N, C-alpha and C. Protein backbone atom coordinates (compact mmCIF):
# COMPACT_ATOMS: atom_id res chain seq x y z
N MET A 1 0.78 -1.19 0.02
CA MET A 1 -0.02 0.02 -0.07
C MET A 1 0.90 1.28 0.01
N LYS A 2 0.52 2.21 -0.79
CA LYS A 2 1.22 3.39 -0.94
C LYS A 2 0.87 4.34 0.18
N THR A 3 1.81 4.71 0.93
CA THR A 3 1.55 5.71 1.95
C THR A 3 1.90 7.13 1.45
N LEU A 4 1.40 8.15 2.03
CA LEU A 4 1.58 9.53 1.53
C LEU A 4 3.00 9.92 1.67
N GLN A 5 3.45 10.68 0.70
CA GLN A 5 4.83 11.26 0.74
C GLN A 5 4.60 12.75 0.84
N GLU A 6 5.71 13.51 1.24
CA GLU A 6 5.62 14.94 1.43
C GLU A 6 5.11 15.58 0.15
N CYS A 7 5.48 15.10 -1.01
CA CYS A 7 5.04 15.75 -2.26
C CYS A 7 3.57 15.57 -2.47
N ASP A 8 2.98 14.61 -1.97
CA ASP A 8 1.48 14.40 -2.05
C ASP A 8 0.77 15.49 -1.25
N TYR A 9 1.31 15.83 -0.06
CA TYR A 9 0.78 16.86 0.79
C TYR A 9 0.91 18.17 0.15
N VAL A 10 2.10 18.41 -0.45
CA VAL A 10 2.36 19.64 -1.14
C VAL A 10 1.32 19.88 -2.28
N THR A 11 1.16 18.79 -3.05
CA THR A 11 0.15 18.92 -4.21
C THR A 11 -1.20 19.24 -3.66
N ALA A 12 -1.61 18.62 -2.61
CA ALA A 12 -2.96 18.85 -2.04
C ALA A 12 -3.07 20.28 -1.49
N ALA A 13 -2.01 20.72 -0.79
CA ALA A 13 -2.02 22.09 -0.30
C ALA A 13 -2.11 23.06 -1.39
N ASN A 14 -1.38 22.85 -2.55
CA ASN A 14 -1.54 23.76 -3.68
C ASN A 14 -2.91 23.73 -4.27
N LEU A 15 -3.53 22.53 -4.31
CA LEU A 15 -4.88 22.51 -4.78
C LEU A 15 -5.93 23.20 -3.99
N LEU A 16 -5.69 23.27 -2.66
CA LEU A 16 -6.57 23.89 -1.70
C LEU A 16 -6.11 25.24 -1.26
N ASN A 17 -4.92 25.68 -1.71
CA ASN A 17 -4.40 26.96 -1.41
C ASN A 17 -4.29 27.11 0.07
N CYS A 18 -3.70 26.10 0.82
CA CYS A 18 -3.53 26.13 2.20
C CYS A 18 -2.15 25.56 2.61
N GLU A 19 -1.91 25.57 3.83
CA GLU A 19 -0.61 24.98 4.31
C GLU A 19 -0.62 23.48 4.41
N VAL A 20 0.45 22.87 4.18
CA VAL A 20 0.64 21.39 4.40
C VAL A 20 0.25 21.07 5.78
N ALA A 21 0.69 21.87 6.76
CA ALA A 21 0.43 21.64 8.15
C ALA A 21 -1.05 21.59 8.49
N ALA A 22 -1.90 22.37 7.73
CA ALA A 22 -3.34 22.32 7.96
C ALA A 22 -3.93 20.95 7.54
N ILE A 23 -3.44 20.47 6.46
CA ILE A 23 -3.88 19.12 5.96
C ILE A 23 -3.43 18.01 6.91
N LYS A 24 -2.23 18.09 7.38
CA LYS A 24 -1.72 17.05 8.28
C LYS A 24 -2.51 17.16 9.61
N ALA A 25 -2.96 18.35 10.02
CA ALA A 25 -3.74 18.45 11.27
C ALA A 25 -5.10 17.75 11.14
N VAL A 26 -5.71 17.92 9.97
CA VAL A 26 -6.96 17.19 9.81
C VAL A 26 -6.72 15.66 9.77
N GLU A 27 -5.82 15.32 9.02
CA GLU A 27 -5.38 13.93 8.96
C GLU A 27 -5.22 13.21 10.28
N GLU A 28 -4.42 13.93 11.14
CA GLU A 28 -4.14 13.34 12.50
C GLU A 28 -5.35 13.22 13.35
N VAL A 29 -6.21 14.18 13.31
CA VAL A 29 -7.48 14.13 14.07
C VAL A 29 -8.43 13.06 13.57
N GLU A 30 -8.46 12.90 12.21
CA GLU A 30 -9.46 12.02 11.65
C GLU A 30 -9.02 10.52 11.74
N SER A 31 -7.71 10.21 11.66
CA SER A 31 -7.37 8.87 11.64
C SER A 31 -6.03 8.52 12.32
N SER A 32 -5.57 9.48 13.21
CA SER A 32 -4.33 9.23 13.91
C SER A 32 -3.16 8.98 13.02
N GLY A 33 -3.27 9.52 11.74
CA GLY A 33 -2.18 9.34 10.83
C GLY A 33 -2.12 8.07 9.94
N SER A 34 -3.03 7.20 10.16
CA SER A 34 -2.98 5.95 9.35
C SER A 34 -4.28 5.74 8.62
N GLY A 35 -4.15 5.39 7.31
CA GLY A 35 -5.28 5.21 6.44
C GLY A 35 -5.72 3.72 6.36
N PHE A 36 -4.77 2.83 6.78
CA PHE A 36 -5.06 1.42 6.65
C PHE A 36 -4.79 0.77 8.01
N LEU A 37 -5.54 -0.34 8.18
CA LEU A 37 -5.35 -1.23 9.38
C LEU A 37 -4.19 -2.20 9.09
N SER A 38 -3.66 -2.83 10.06
CA SER A 38 -2.65 -3.79 9.86
C SER A 38 -3.01 -4.97 8.97
N THR A 39 -4.33 -5.15 8.84
CA THR A 39 -4.90 -6.20 7.92
C THR A 39 -4.84 -5.84 6.43
N GLY A 40 -4.56 -4.60 6.21
CA GLY A 40 -4.55 -4.04 4.79
C GLY A 40 -5.92 -3.40 4.38
N GLU A 41 -6.82 -3.48 5.30
CA GLU A 41 -8.13 -2.88 4.96
C GLU A 41 -8.05 -1.32 5.31
N PRO A 42 -8.79 -0.55 4.57
CA PRO A 42 -8.78 0.89 4.90
C PRO A 42 -9.47 1.11 6.30
N ARG A 43 -8.98 2.07 6.99
CA ARG A 43 -9.53 2.42 8.29
C ARG A 43 -10.94 2.93 7.97
N ILE A 44 -11.95 2.49 8.72
CA ILE A 44 -13.33 2.92 8.61
C ILE A 44 -13.97 3.17 9.98
N LEU A 45 -15.04 3.90 9.97
CA LEU A 45 -15.92 4.07 11.13
C LEU A 45 -17.30 3.90 10.63
N PHE A 46 -18.00 2.89 11.09
CA PHE A 46 -19.33 2.63 10.63
C PHE A 46 -20.31 3.46 11.43
N GLU A 47 -21.20 4.24 10.76
CA GLU A 47 -22.10 5.06 11.43
C GLU A 47 -23.54 4.56 11.30
N GLY A 48 -23.97 3.85 12.36
CA GLY A 48 -25.26 3.20 12.39
C GLY A 48 -26.47 4.19 12.18
N HIS A 49 -26.31 5.40 12.66
CA HIS A 49 -27.36 6.36 12.43
C HIS A 49 -27.56 6.81 11.02
N VAL A 50 -26.43 6.73 10.23
CA VAL A 50 -26.53 6.99 8.80
C VAL A 50 -27.24 5.82 8.11
N PHE A 51 -26.84 4.60 8.50
CA PHE A 51 -27.47 3.41 7.93
C PHE A 51 -28.97 3.39 8.28
N TYR A 52 -29.37 3.74 9.45
CA TYR A 52 -30.76 3.85 9.81
C TYR A 52 -31.43 4.84 9.04
N ARG A 53 -30.85 6.01 8.76
CA ARG A 53 -31.47 7.03 7.93
C ARG A 53 -31.64 6.54 6.52
N LEU A 54 -30.52 5.99 5.92
CA LEU A 54 -30.56 5.57 4.50
C LEU A 54 -31.53 4.42 4.27
N THR A 55 -31.76 3.62 5.28
CA THR A 55 -32.72 2.48 5.14
C THR A 55 -34.10 2.76 5.76
N LYS A 56 -34.24 4.06 6.17
CA LYS A 56 -35.53 4.44 6.79
C LYS A 56 -35.95 3.58 7.98
N GLY A 57 -34.94 3.08 8.74
CA GLY A 57 -35.19 2.26 9.92
C GLY A 57 -35.73 0.93 9.62
N LYS A 58 -35.69 0.46 8.42
CA LYS A 58 -36.28 -0.82 8.00
C LYS A 58 -35.69 -1.96 8.83
N PHE A 59 -34.49 -1.86 9.28
CA PHE A 59 -33.89 -3.02 10.02
C PHE A 59 -33.87 -2.85 11.52
N GLY A 60 -34.71 -2.00 11.99
CA GLY A 60 -34.84 -1.85 13.47
C GLY A 60 -33.55 -1.36 14.10
N VAL A 61 -33.42 -1.57 15.39
CA VAL A 61 -32.34 -1.01 16.12
C VAL A 61 -31.35 -2.18 16.54
N SER A 62 -30.08 -1.98 16.24
CA SER A 62 -29.09 -2.95 16.56
C SER A 62 -27.72 -2.19 16.64
N ASN A 63 -26.66 -2.94 16.76
CA ASN A 63 -25.35 -2.23 16.64
C ASN A 63 -24.96 -1.66 15.33
N VAL A 64 -25.79 -1.92 14.30
CA VAL A 64 -25.46 -1.27 13.02
C VAL A 64 -26.60 -0.36 12.53
N SER A 65 -27.69 -0.29 13.33
CA SER A 65 -28.82 0.54 12.90
C SER A 65 -29.45 1.16 14.12
N TYR A 66 -29.39 2.52 14.24
CA TYR A 66 -30.03 3.24 15.33
C TYR A 66 -30.38 4.59 14.91
N PRO A 67 -31.38 5.19 15.50
CA PRO A 67 -31.96 6.48 14.94
C PRO A 67 -31.13 7.74 15.13
N SER A 68 -30.20 7.77 16.06
CA SER A 68 -29.38 9.02 16.29
C SER A 68 -27.93 8.64 16.66
N TRP A 69 -27.07 9.61 16.45
CA TRP A 69 -25.61 9.36 16.61
C TRP A 69 -25.31 8.98 18.03
N ILE A 70 -24.58 7.93 18.20
CA ILE A 70 -23.98 7.60 19.45
C ILE A 70 -22.62 6.93 19.19
N SER A 71 -21.73 7.05 20.16
CA SER A 71 -20.41 6.50 19.95
C SER A 71 -20.23 5.06 20.60
N LYS A 72 -21.35 4.60 21.19
CA LYS A 72 -21.35 3.35 21.92
C LYS A 72 -20.65 2.20 21.18
N TYR A 73 -20.77 2.07 19.86
CA TYR A 73 -20.21 0.93 19.15
C TYR A 73 -18.89 1.20 18.52
N TYR A 74 -18.28 2.35 18.78
CA TYR A 74 -16.98 2.68 18.14
C TYR A 74 -15.85 1.75 18.50
N ASN A 75 -15.94 1.10 19.66
CA ASN A 75 -14.89 0.28 20.07
C ASN A 75 -15.00 -1.21 19.58
N GLU A 76 -16.11 -1.40 18.79
CA GLU A 76 -16.27 -2.69 18.20
C GLU A 76 -15.49 -2.78 16.84
N ASN A 77 -15.30 -3.99 16.36
CA ASN A 77 -14.60 -4.11 15.05
C ASN A 77 -15.53 -3.48 13.98
N GLN A 78 -14.99 -2.39 13.38
CA GLN A 78 -15.76 -1.68 12.43
C GLN A 78 -16.10 -2.38 11.14
N HIS A 79 -15.08 -3.23 10.71
CA HIS A 79 -15.28 -3.91 9.45
C HIS A 79 -16.31 -5.09 9.67
N LEU A 80 -16.34 -5.67 10.83
CA LEU A 80 -17.41 -6.61 11.20
C LEU A 80 -18.80 -6.03 11.21
N ARG A 81 -18.91 -4.84 11.80
CA ARG A 81 -20.15 -4.13 11.75
C ARG A 81 -20.52 -3.74 10.30
N LEU A 82 -19.63 -3.38 9.53
CA LEU A 82 -19.98 -3.06 8.11
C LEU A 82 -20.36 -4.32 7.38
N ALA A 83 -19.70 -5.46 7.61
CA ALA A 83 -20.10 -6.74 6.98
C ALA A 83 -21.48 -7.05 7.38
N LYS A 84 -21.88 -6.99 8.65
CA LYS A 84 -23.24 -7.21 9.08
C LYS A 84 -24.26 -6.38 8.37
N ALA A 85 -23.94 -5.09 8.28
CA ALA A 85 -24.90 -4.15 7.56
C ALA A 85 -24.94 -4.47 6.06
N ILE A 86 -23.88 -4.90 5.45
CA ILE A 86 -23.84 -5.28 4.03
C ILE A 86 -24.84 -6.43 3.76
N THR A 87 -24.97 -7.33 4.77
CA THR A 87 -25.94 -8.44 4.52
C THR A 87 -27.39 -7.90 4.54
N LEU A 88 -27.58 -6.76 5.09
CA LEU A 88 -28.92 -6.25 5.15
C LEU A 88 -29.27 -5.29 3.91
N ASN A 89 -28.19 -4.44 3.58
CA ASN A 89 -28.37 -3.49 2.42
C ASN A 89 -26.96 -3.03 2.06
N ARG A 90 -26.42 -3.65 1.03
CA ARG A 90 -25.01 -3.34 0.68
C ARG A 90 -24.77 -1.85 0.39
N GLU A 91 -25.57 -1.24 -0.46
CA GLU A 91 -25.30 0.16 -0.87
C GLU A 91 -25.45 1.11 0.33
N ALA A 92 -26.46 0.96 1.13
CA ALA A 92 -26.60 1.83 2.30
C ALA A 92 -25.49 1.55 3.25
N ALA A 93 -25.05 0.29 3.45
CA ALA A 93 -23.97 0.06 4.39
C ALA A 93 -22.68 0.64 3.96
N LEU A 94 -22.27 0.56 2.74
CA LEU A 94 -21.02 1.20 2.23
C LEU A 94 -21.09 2.72 2.29
N GLN A 95 -22.28 3.23 2.13
CA GLN A 95 -22.37 4.69 2.21
C GLN A 95 -22.40 5.19 3.68
N SER A 96 -22.61 4.26 4.61
CA SER A 96 -22.73 4.59 6.04
C SER A 96 -21.40 4.58 6.82
N ALA A 97 -20.36 4.28 6.10
CA ALA A 97 -19.04 4.25 6.69
C ALA A 97 -18.20 5.44 6.32
N SER A 98 -17.37 5.93 7.20
CA SER A 98 -16.40 6.97 6.79
C SER A 98 -15.12 6.17 6.53
N TRP A 99 -14.43 6.63 5.45
CA TRP A 99 -13.42 5.79 4.91
C TRP A 99 -11.98 6.45 4.89
N GLY A 100 -10.94 5.72 5.16
CA GLY A 100 -9.60 6.09 4.99
C GLY A 100 -9.01 7.14 5.86
N LYS A 101 -7.92 7.58 5.46
CA LYS A 101 -7.07 8.59 6.19
C LYS A 101 -7.78 9.80 6.63
N PHE A 102 -8.75 10.26 5.81
CA PHE A 102 -9.51 11.49 6.15
C PHE A 102 -10.96 11.25 6.50
N GLN A 103 -11.41 9.98 6.61
CA GLN A 103 -12.70 9.56 7.03
C GLN A 103 -13.78 10.23 6.32
N ILE A 104 -13.77 10.05 5.01
CA ILE A 104 -14.84 10.66 4.06
C ILE A 104 -15.99 9.60 4.08
N MET A 105 -17.18 10.09 4.31
CA MET A 105 -18.34 9.26 4.36
C MET A 105 -18.69 8.74 2.89
N GLY A 106 -18.99 7.47 2.83
CA GLY A 106 -19.32 6.86 1.56
C GLY A 106 -20.48 7.55 0.88
N GLU A 107 -21.40 8.05 1.60
CA GLU A 107 -22.54 8.70 0.95
C GLU A 107 -22.19 9.99 0.13
N ASN A 108 -20.94 10.40 0.26
CA ASN A 108 -20.50 11.56 -0.57
C ASN A 108 -19.99 11.19 -1.94
N TRP A 109 -19.99 9.94 -2.23
CA TRP A 109 -19.32 9.47 -3.56
C TRP A 109 -19.76 10.26 -4.74
N LYS A 110 -21.04 10.52 -4.88
CA LYS A 110 -21.55 11.14 -6.07
C LYS A 110 -21.11 12.63 -6.13
N SER A 111 -21.25 13.35 -5.03
CA SER A 111 -20.90 14.74 -5.05
C SER A 111 -19.50 14.95 -5.24
N LEU A 112 -18.60 13.96 -4.94
CA LEU A 112 -17.14 14.10 -5.09
C LEU A 112 -16.74 13.68 -6.53
N GLY A 113 -17.67 13.34 -7.31
CA GLY A 113 -17.37 13.12 -8.75
C GLY A 113 -17.02 11.62 -9.14
N TYR A 114 -17.21 10.71 -8.23
CA TYR A 114 -16.96 9.39 -8.51
C TYR A 114 -18.14 8.84 -9.44
N SER A 115 -17.82 7.91 -10.31
CA SER A 115 -18.89 7.48 -11.29
C SER A 115 -19.87 6.48 -10.62
N SER A 116 -19.42 5.92 -9.46
CA SER A 116 -20.25 4.97 -8.79
C SER A 116 -19.75 4.86 -7.36
N LEU A 117 -20.61 4.29 -6.46
CA LEU A 117 -20.19 4.05 -5.14
C LEU A 117 -19.01 3.08 -5.11
N GLN A 118 -19.06 2.10 -6.02
CA GLN A 118 -18.02 1.05 -6.07
C GLN A 118 -16.72 1.69 -6.50
N GLU A 119 -16.74 2.69 -7.42
CA GLU A 119 -15.44 3.38 -7.72
C GLU A 119 -14.80 4.06 -6.47
N PHE A 120 -15.69 4.67 -5.69
CA PHE A 120 -15.23 5.34 -4.51
C PHE A 120 -14.61 4.31 -3.51
N ILE A 121 -15.37 3.22 -3.30
CA ILE A 121 -14.81 2.14 -2.37
C ILE A 121 -13.49 1.58 -2.90
N ASN A 122 -13.44 1.32 -4.18
CA ASN A 122 -12.12 0.91 -4.83
C ASN A 122 -11.02 1.86 -4.50
N ALA A 123 -11.27 3.17 -4.65
CA ALA A 123 -10.25 4.15 -4.40
C ALA A 123 -9.83 4.08 -2.95
N MET A 124 -10.74 3.84 -2.04
CA MET A 124 -10.41 3.80 -0.62
C MET A 124 -9.51 2.61 -0.32
N TYR A 125 -9.72 1.54 -1.05
CA TYR A 125 -8.88 0.27 -0.86
C TYR A 125 -7.53 0.46 -1.50
N ALA A 126 -7.43 1.44 -2.49
CA ALA A 126 -6.21 1.49 -3.33
C ALA A 126 -4.98 1.95 -2.57
N ASN A 127 -5.02 3.21 -2.02
CA ASN A 127 -3.87 3.76 -1.37
C ASN A 127 -4.23 5.11 -0.74
N GLU A 128 -3.28 5.58 0.12
CA GLU A 128 -3.55 6.82 0.82
C GLU A 128 -3.60 8.04 -0.12
N THR A 129 -2.99 7.99 -1.26
CA THR A 129 -3.10 9.13 -2.12
C THR A 129 -4.53 9.32 -2.58
N GLU A 130 -5.27 8.19 -2.85
CA GLU A 130 -6.68 8.20 -3.15
C GLU A 130 -7.43 8.84 -1.99
N HIS A 131 -7.10 8.49 -0.77
CA HIS A 131 -7.74 9.10 0.37
C HIS A 131 -7.54 10.59 0.39
N LEU A 132 -6.40 11.07 0.12
CA LEU A 132 -6.05 12.45 0.14
C LEU A 132 -6.85 13.18 -1.02
N MET A 133 -6.89 12.58 -2.20
CA MET A 133 -7.65 13.22 -3.25
C MET A 133 -9.14 13.29 -3.00
N ALA A 134 -9.67 12.29 -2.29
CA ALA A 134 -11.13 12.35 -1.91
C ALA A 134 -11.30 13.52 -0.86
N PHE A 135 -10.33 13.67 0.04
CA PHE A 135 -10.36 14.79 0.95
C PHE A 135 -10.34 16.13 0.18
N VAL A 136 -9.38 16.28 -0.74
CA VAL A 136 -9.38 17.57 -1.56
C VAL A 136 -10.72 17.84 -2.22
N LYS A 137 -11.31 16.80 -2.80
CA LYS A 137 -12.59 16.95 -3.44
C LYS A 137 -13.65 17.37 -2.47
N PHE A 138 -13.68 16.74 -1.32
CA PHE A 138 -14.69 16.98 -0.27
C PHE A 138 -14.57 18.43 0.18
N VAL A 139 -13.32 18.91 0.49
CA VAL A 139 -13.10 20.28 0.92
C VAL A 139 -13.57 21.28 -0.12
N LYS A 140 -13.24 20.98 -1.34
CA LYS A 140 -13.70 21.91 -2.50
C LYS A 140 -15.20 21.92 -2.65
N VAL A 141 -15.80 20.68 -2.71
CA VAL A 141 -17.27 20.67 -2.97
C VAL A 141 -18.09 21.27 -1.85
N ASN A 142 -17.54 21.26 -0.63
CA ASN A 142 -18.32 21.69 0.50
C ASN A 142 -17.84 23.11 0.97
N GLY A 143 -17.04 23.76 0.12
CA GLY A 143 -16.58 25.12 0.32
C GLY A 143 -15.89 25.35 1.65
N LEU A 144 -14.96 24.44 1.92
CA LEU A 144 -14.23 24.48 3.21
C LEU A 144 -12.76 24.97 3.05
N ALA A 145 -12.35 25.23 1.74
CA ALA A 145 -10.95 25.55 1.50
C ALA A 145 -10.57 26.88 2.16
N ASP A 146 -11.50 27.83 2.22
CA ASP A 146 -11.12 29.11 2.89
C ASP A 146 -10.99 28.99 4.35
N GLU A 147 -11.81 28.12 5.01
CA GLU A 147 -11.67 27.89 6.44
C GLU A 147 -10.30 27.17 6.72
N LEU A 148 -9.89 26.27 5.86
CA LEU A 148 -8.68 25.55 6.07
C LEU A 148 -7.47 26.58 5.88
N LYS A 149 -7.55 27.40 4.90
CA LYS A 149 -6.54 28.37 4.64
C LYS A 149 -6.40 29.37 5.79
N ARG A 150 -7.53 29.83 6.35
CA ARG A 150 -7.50 30.75 7.46
C ARG A 150 -7.28 30.15 8.83
N LYS A 151 -7.31 28.80 8.76
CA LYS A 151 -7.17 28.01 10.01
C LYS A 151 -8.34 28.35 10.97
N ASP A 152 -9.50 28.49 10.35
CA ASP A 152 -10.71 28.65 11.16
C ASP A 152 -11.19 27.30 11.47
N TRP A 153 -10.62 26.78 12.53
CA TRP A 153 -10.84 25.32 12.91
C TRP A 153 -12.31 25.11 13.24
N ALA A 154 -12.92 26.02 13.95
CA ALA A 154 -14.38 25.80 14.33
C ALA A 154 -15.20 25.73 12.96
N GLY A 155 -14.98 26.73 12.09
CA GLY A 155 -15.73 26.68 10.84
C GLY A 155 -15.48 25.47 10.00
N PHE A 156 -14.18 25.07 9.92
CA PHE A 156 -13.79 23.89 9.17
C PHE A 156 -14.48 22.59 9.81
N ALA A 157 -14.35 22.46 11.07
CA ALA A 157 -14.79 21.30 11.85
C ALA A 157 -16.37 21.17 11.65
N ARG A 158 -17.02 22.35 11.74
CA ARG A 158 -18.48 22.35 11.61
C ARG A 158 -18.92 21.78 10.19
N GLY A 159 -18.20 22.26 9.16
CA GLY A 159 -18.50 21.76 7.86
C GLY A 159 -18.03 20.37 7.53
N TYR A 160 -16.95 19.96 8.21
CA TYR A 160 -16.35 18.72 7.99
C TYR A 160 -16.89 17.56 8.79
N ASN A 161 -17.21 17.86 10.06
CA ASN A 161 -17.71 16.87 11.00
C ASN A 161 -19.11 16.99 11.40
N GLY A 162 -19.74 18.11 11.04
CA GLY A 162 -21.14 18.31 11.38
C GLY A 162 -21.31 19.06 12.69
N PRO A 163 -22.53 19.37 13.06
CA PRO A 163 -22.76 20.21 14.20
C PRO A 163 -22.36 19.66 15.51
N GLY A 164 -22.00 18.44 15.58
CA GLY A 164 -21.46 17.87 16.91
C GLY A 164 -20.00 18.03 17.02
N TYR A 165 -19.39 18.81 16.26
CA TYR A 165 -17.91 18.96 16.26
C TYR A 165 -17.45 19.45 17.62
N ALA A 166 -18.17 20.42 18.17
CA ALA A 166 -17.78 21.07 19.42
C ALA A 166 -17.74 20.09 20.62
N LYS A 167 -18.77 19.16 20.64
CA LYS A 167 -18.87 18.17 21.65
C LYS A 167 -17.62 17.27 21.67
N ASN A 168 -17.16 16.99 20.48
CA ASN A 168 -15.97 16.16 20.31
C ASN A 168 -14.62 16.95 20.20
N GLN A 169 -14.76 18.26 20.35
CA GLN A 169 -13.65 19.18 20.34
C GLN A 169 -12.73 18.99 19.10
N TYR A 170 -13.32 18.74 17.93
CA TYR A 170 -12.58 18.53 16.72
C TYR A 170 -11.75 19.80 16.46
N ASP A 171 -12.41 20.95 16.58
CA ASP A 171 -11.71 22.24 16.33
C ASP A 171 -10.48 22.40 17.13
N LYS A 172 -10.58 22.15 18.49
CA LYS A 172 -9.46 22.29 19.39
C LYS A 172 -8.34 21.25 19.10
N LYS A 173 -8.80 20.01 18.74
CA LYS A 173 -7.81 19.01 18.41
C LYS A 173 -7.04 19.39 17.10
N MET A 174 -7.75 19.93 16.07
CA MET A 174 -7.18 20.31 14.89
C MET A 174 -6.21 21.47 15.09
N ALA A 175 -6.58 22.42 15.89
CA ALA A 175 -5.74 23.56 16.22
C ALA A 175 -4.46 23.14 16.85
N ALA A 176 -4.57 22.25 17.78
CA ALA A 176 -3.36 21.71 18.45
C ALA A 176 -2.44 20.91 17.51
N ALA A 177 -3.01 20.08 16.69
CA ALA A 177 -2.26 19.36 15.65
C ALA A 177 -1.64 20.27 14.71
N TYR A 178 -2.36 21.32 14.27
CA TYR A 178 -1.76 22.32 13.40
C TYR A 178 -0.49 22.93 13.98
N LEU A 179 -0.57 23.34 15.23
CA LEU A 179 0.62 23.94 15.91
C LEU A 179 1.73 23.01 15.90
N LYS A 180 1.50 21.70 16.12
CA LYS A 180 2.58 20.71 16.12
C LYS A 180 3.23 20.59 14.76
N PHE A 181 2.36 20.51 13.69
CA PHE A 181 2.97 20.36 12.34
C PHE A 181 3.53 21.69 11.73
N SER A 182 3.03 22.79 12.15
CA SER A 182 3.54 24.05 11.63
C SER A 182 4.97 24.38 12.20
N ARG A 183 5.34 23.72 13.33
CA ARG A 183 6.63 24.01 13.92
C ARG A 183 7.68 23.12 13.37
N LYS A 184 7.28 22.15 12.57
CA LYS A 184 8.32 21.18 11.97
C LYS A 184 9.09 21.84 10.82
């Protein structure tokens, strides 16, 4: 698996007109710096509330389907949770996970310009450069490049992680990570 090189970060920073340290800050907060597990599978986080929404609650409440966001199941094996959801509804399951080094939700595949959900999934299994390019697309499509450039961590985290960003202190974590990377 290809891991990111400094030139990859520079390319992405140029595309987003921001500092490399800003991209590395988001990366660290989203995935602790690793896009793949030791098994070779991409790092994922399965979001049962998204699966519940996409399937209109058809599969009731379980560790893969629940009506509102909770972190209760985050310590479970995420690929096993995804596999369980796939047996119920493959497309909804794949869209309900956040993928790779930058934890991009599968449900964004179309807005990011992928021709199919499967093309997005294949990219997430390919390498970390694909993870980074999905991040660049997500930032551009969602108008977050200016926040990243200004290091408006609260504004960026709100757009990137949703309204619950403050509860999880994503903005503070990104600000701290940025300071670390900007000093290197």
